[in-house]
Amino acid sequence: MRRTFVTLALAILAINHPVLAQSGDEADSTVDEPLIEDDSSEEEVQPPAETEQEEPAEEASGLEHPVERVNSLLGPSGLFHLITADSMPVGSFAIGLYGQAFRSTDVARQGDENARFVGHLTIAWRPIEYVEAFFSLSGRGNSNNFAQPELIQSLGDLVLGAKAGAEVTDGLHVSGLLSLMVNNAANSVGLDFASTSVDIRALAS
């Protein structure tokens, strides 16, 4: 009796719901019908287009100034103790301030004590293509307990000059240098024009 009641209840439910009232064959066909995938709706994924890589720009064959230039002790551009034939870029202005200090014993003889100090102020300027002007002012002092006088110093040695030249071929510069040197007399104040000298040089580097 319980089974009959359940069957009737299902029948009534099927009548009230048309979707559930479908025949068993139709339901089975709906369930068993294989799914057909529509490939037309799928967009084909195209591989990213290969972009042409830009070739790197050719590196410069050489540096304009492969070696850093500084003011030499006399003023013109070059290295610390060396004057070179080439120069700074046009319009450049350089200032150098150098100092040297030394202290030791047994320098001139056994038992002595020696001290030395040197200072340099240098200025170089290249206003036009082929010319560089320079200036140098230096002072030095040396003391030795066995010397007479014990302290010797020279303050205000002056150098004024110019360097002119050009690059004749790749990597080769030639120039000429002309400078005027006026020294300070030892243990005195002021320039000693009697010791004035002229420095003329031909340079290639």
Protein backbone atom coordinates (compact mmCIF):
# COMPACT_ATOMS: atom_id res chain seq x y z
CA MET A 1 0.00 0.00 0.00
CA ARG A 2 2.84 2.34 0.77
CA ARG A 3 4.45 1.67 -2.61
CA THR A 4 1.18 2.52 -4.46
CA PHE A 5 0.91 5.84 -2.69
CA VAL A 6 4.41 6.78 -3.66
CA THR A 7 3.69 5.94 -7.30
CA LEU A 8 0.57 8.09 -7.38
CA ALA A 9 2.39 10.97 -5.79
CA LEU A 10 5.05 10.83 -8.47
CA ALA A 11 2.42 10.70 -11.19
CA ILE A 12 0.66 13.78 -9.83
CA LEU A 13 3.98 15.60 -9.59
CA ALA A 14 4.74 14.74 -13.20
CA ILE A 15 1.40 16.12 -14.36
CA ASN A 16 1.90 19.40 -12.53
CA HIS A 17 5.40 19.78 -13.99
CA PRO A 18 5.46 19.26 -17.78
CA VAL A 19 9.21 19.05 -17.85
CA LEU A 20 9.11 16.02 -15.62
CA ALA A 21 6.29 14.55 -17.73
CA GLN A 22 8.59 13.85 -20.67
CA SER A 23 8.79 10.27 -21.73
CA GLY A 24 11.54 8.16 -20.46
CA ASP A 25 12.97 7.76 -23.94
CA GLU A 26 13.14 11.49 -24.47
CA ALA A 27 14.79 11.99 -21.13
CA ASP A 28 17.25 9.25 -21.83
CA SER A 29 17.98 10.66 -25.27
CA THR A 30 18.54 14.05 -23.73
CA VAL A 31 20.88 12.69 -21.15
CA ASP A 32 22.71 10.29 -23.42
CA GLU A 33 23.07 12.71 -26.33
CA PRO A 34 26.76 13.46 -26.65
CA LEU A 35 27.88 17.01 -26.31
CA ILE A 36 29.06 18.54 -29.57
CA GLU A 37 31.69 21.15 -29.09
CA ASP A 38 31.43 24.15 -31.34
CA ASP A 39 34.97 24.83 -32.43
CA SER A 40 33.87 27.75 -34.56
CA SER A 41 33.35 29.93 -31.48
CA GLU A 42 36.88 29.41 -30.29
CA GLU A 43 39.30 31.96 -31.59
CA GLU A 44 42.56 30.65 -32.83
CA VAL A 45 45.39 31.88 -30.68
CA GLN A 46 48.03 33.27 -32.94
CA PRO A 47 51.62 33.09 -31.71
CA PRO A 48 53.11 36.50 -30.97
CA ALA A 49 54.73 38.01 -33.99
CA GLU A 50 58.45 38.00 -33.82
CA THR A 51 59.68 41.53 -33.47
CA GLU A 52 62.83 42.46 -35.22
CA GLN A 53 65.46 43.27 -32.67
CA GLU A 54 67.15 46.52 -33.28
CA GLU A 55 70.81 46.10 -33.84
CA PRO A 56 72.81 47.95 -31.22
CA ALA A 57 74.48 51.06 -32.43
CA GLU A 58 78.06 50.60 -33.32
CA GLU A 59 80.32 51.57 -30.50
CA ALA A 60 82.71 54.37 -31.06
CA SER A 61 86.04 53.17 -32.28
CA GLY A 62 87.85 55.15 -29.61
CA LEU A 63 87.34 57.48 -26.69
CA GLU A 64 87.88 61.15 -27.19
CA HIS A 65 89.93 61.37 -24.00
CA PRO A 66 90.87 57.83 -22.88
CA VAL A 67 93.20 59.15 -20.15
CA GLU A 68 91.98 61.64 -17.60
CA ARG A 69 93.88 64.92 -17.81
CA VAL A 70 94.89 67.03 -14.87
CA ASN A 71 96.94 70.13 -14.45
CA SER A 72 100.63 69.33 -14.27
CA LEU A 73 102.80 70.94 -11.61
CA LEU A 74 103.81 73.68 -14.07
CA GLY A 75 100.21 74.45 -15.03
CA PRO A 76 99.45 73.04 -18.51
CA SER A 77 97.23 70.00 -18.88
CA GLY A 78 98.75 66.55 -18.89
CA LEU A 79 99.66 64.27 -16.03
CA PHE A 80 101.09 65.08 -12.60
CA HIS A 81 104.77 65.30 -13.60
CA LEU A 82 104.24 65.19 -17.38
CA ILE A 83 103.08 67.77 -19.93
CA THR A 84 101.23 66.25 -22.91
CA ALA A 85 100.85 67.65 -26.42
CA ASP A 86 97.07 67.31 -26.46
CA SER A 87 94.78 69.51 -24.43
CA MET A 88 91.42 69.75 -22.71
CA PRO A 89 88.15 70.25 -24.64
CA VAL A 90 87.55 73.77 -25.92
CA GLY A 91 86.06 76.01 -23.25
CA SER A 92 87.37 73.92 -20.35
CA PHE A 93 88.75 75.54 -17.22
CA ALA A 94 90.75 73.52 -14.69
CA ILE A 95 92.17 74.32 -11.25
CA GLY A 96 94.66 72.13 -9.39
CA LEU A 97 95.86 72.33 -5.80
CA TYR A 98 98.73 70.02 -4.86
CA GLY A 99 100.74 69.52 -1.72
CA GLN A 100 103.76 67.44 -0.76
CA ALA A 101 105.10 66.74 2.71
CA PHE A 102 108.21 64.83 3.80
CA ARG A 103 109.87 64.20 7.15
CA SER A 104 112.74 61.82 7.95
CA THR A 105 116.03 61.41 9.79
CA ASP A 106 119.54 60.66 8.54
CA VAL A 107 118.84 62.42 5.22
CA ALA A 108 121.96 64.53 4.63
CA ARG A 109 124.07 63.03 7.41
CA GLN A 110 123.80 60.68 10.38
CA GLY A 111 121.63 62.07 13.16
CA ASP A 112 119.98 64.92 11.22
CA GLU A 113 116.27 65.65 11.08
CA ASN A 114 114.83 66.93 7.81
CA ALA A 115 111.35 68.21 6.93
CA ARG A 116 110.08 69.49 3.58
CA PHE A 117 106.80 70.94 2.34
CA VAL A 118 105.76 71.99 -1.19
CA GLY A 119 102.49 73.48 -2.40
CA HIS A 120 101.25 74.27 -5.94
CA LEU A 121 98.26 76.20 -7.27
CA THR A 122 97.74 75.68 -11.01
CA ILE A 123 95.15 77.02 -13.45
CA ALA A 124 94.64 76.01 -17.11
CA TRP A 125 92.15 77.39 -19.64
CA ARG A 126 91.52 76.52 -23.28
CA PRO A 127 89.57 79.44 -24.81
CA ILE A 128 89.92 78.45 -28.49
CA GLU A 129 90.62 75.38 -30.57
CA TYR A 130 94.42 75.35 -30.72
CA VAL A 131 95.58 77.37 -27.69
CA GLU A 132 95.72 76.67 -23.96
CA ALA A 133 96.87 79.25 -21.40
CA PHE A 134 98.18 78.26 -17.97
CA PHE A 135 99.36 79.72 -14.69
CA SER A 136 101.19 78.25 -11.70
CA LEU A 137 102.10 79.60 -8.27
CA SER A 138 104.18 77.48 -5.91
CA GLY A 139 105.93 77.66 -2.57
CA ARG A 140 108.36 75.35 -0.82
CA GLY A 141 110.24 75.13 2.43
CA ASN A 142 112.92 72.81 3.83
CA SER A 143 114.40 72.59 7.30
CA ASN A 144 117.39 70.59 8.54
CA ASN A 145 118.80 70.87 12.05
CA PHE A 146 122.39 70.68 10.72
CA ALA A 147 121.88 73.27 7.92
CA GLN A 148 122.91 76.93 8.03
CA PRO A 149 120.43 78.54 7.91
CA GLU A 150 118.32 75.79 9.34
CA LEU A 151 115.20 76.84 7.37
CA ILE A 152 115.26 77.58 3.63
CA GLN A 153 112.03 78.60 1.95
CA SER A 154 110.89 80.06 -1.33
CA LEU A 155 107.37 81.45 -1.52
CA GLY A 156 105.60 82.61 -4.67
CA ASP A 157 107.44 81.07 -7.64
CA LEU A 158 105.41 82.13 -10.68
CA VAL A 159 104.91 80.48 -14.09
CA LEU A 160 102.90 82.02 -16.97
CA GLY A 161 102.63 80.47 -20.41
CA ALA A 162 100.66 79.03 -23.30
CA LYS A 163 100.57 75.79 -25.25
CA ALA A 164 99.44 75.62 -28.89
CA GLY A 165 99.02 72.53 -31.02
CA ALA A 166 96.72 70.23 -32.97
CA GLU A 167 96.04 66.60 -33.78
CA VAL A 168 97.93 65.74 -36.98
CA THR A 169 96.52 62.22 -37.27
CA ASP A 170 94.49 59.79 -35.21
CA GLY A 171 96.23 59.40 -31.86
CA LEU A 172 99.11 61.80 -32.57
CA HIS A 173 99.23 65.37 -31.27
CA VAL A 174 102.02 67.91 -31.68
CA SER A 175 102.32 71.25 -29.93
CA GLY A 176 104.71 73.93 -28.80
CA LEU A 177 104.96 75.43 -25.32
CA LEU A 178 106.26 78.82 -24.25
CA SER A 179 106.37 79.88 -20.59
CA LEU A 180 107.93 82.55 -18.43
CA MET A 181 109.27 81.55 -15.00
CA VAL A 182 109.91 84.10 -12.26
CA ASN A 183 111.24 82.70 -9.00
CA ASN A 184 111.15 84.07 -5.51
CA ALA A 185 114.52 84.66 -3.85
CA ALA A 186 115.26 82.27 -1.00
CA ASN A 187 114.34 83.57 2.46
CA SER A 188 112.94 86.81 1.04
CA VAL A 189 109.58 88.26 0.05
CA GLY A 190 108.71 89.16 -3.55
CA LEU A 191 109.77 88.05 -7.00
CA ASP A 192 113.40 88.08 -8.03
CA PHE A 193 113.33 89.15 -11.69
CA ALA A 194 117.07 88.53 -11.97
CA SER A 195 116.26 84.82 -11.91
CA THR A 196 113.63 85.06 -14.68
CA SER A 197 113.86 82.30 -17.26
CA VAL A 198 112.06 81.32 -20.47
CA ASP A 199 110.98 77.73 -21.16
CA ILE A 200 110.44 76.63 -24.79
CA ARG A 201 109.39 73.06 -25.57
CA ALA A 202 108.27 70.98 -28.54
CA LEU A 203 105.81 68.26 -27.56
CA ALA A 204 104.41 65.17 -29.22
CA SER A 205 102.14 62.56 -27.68
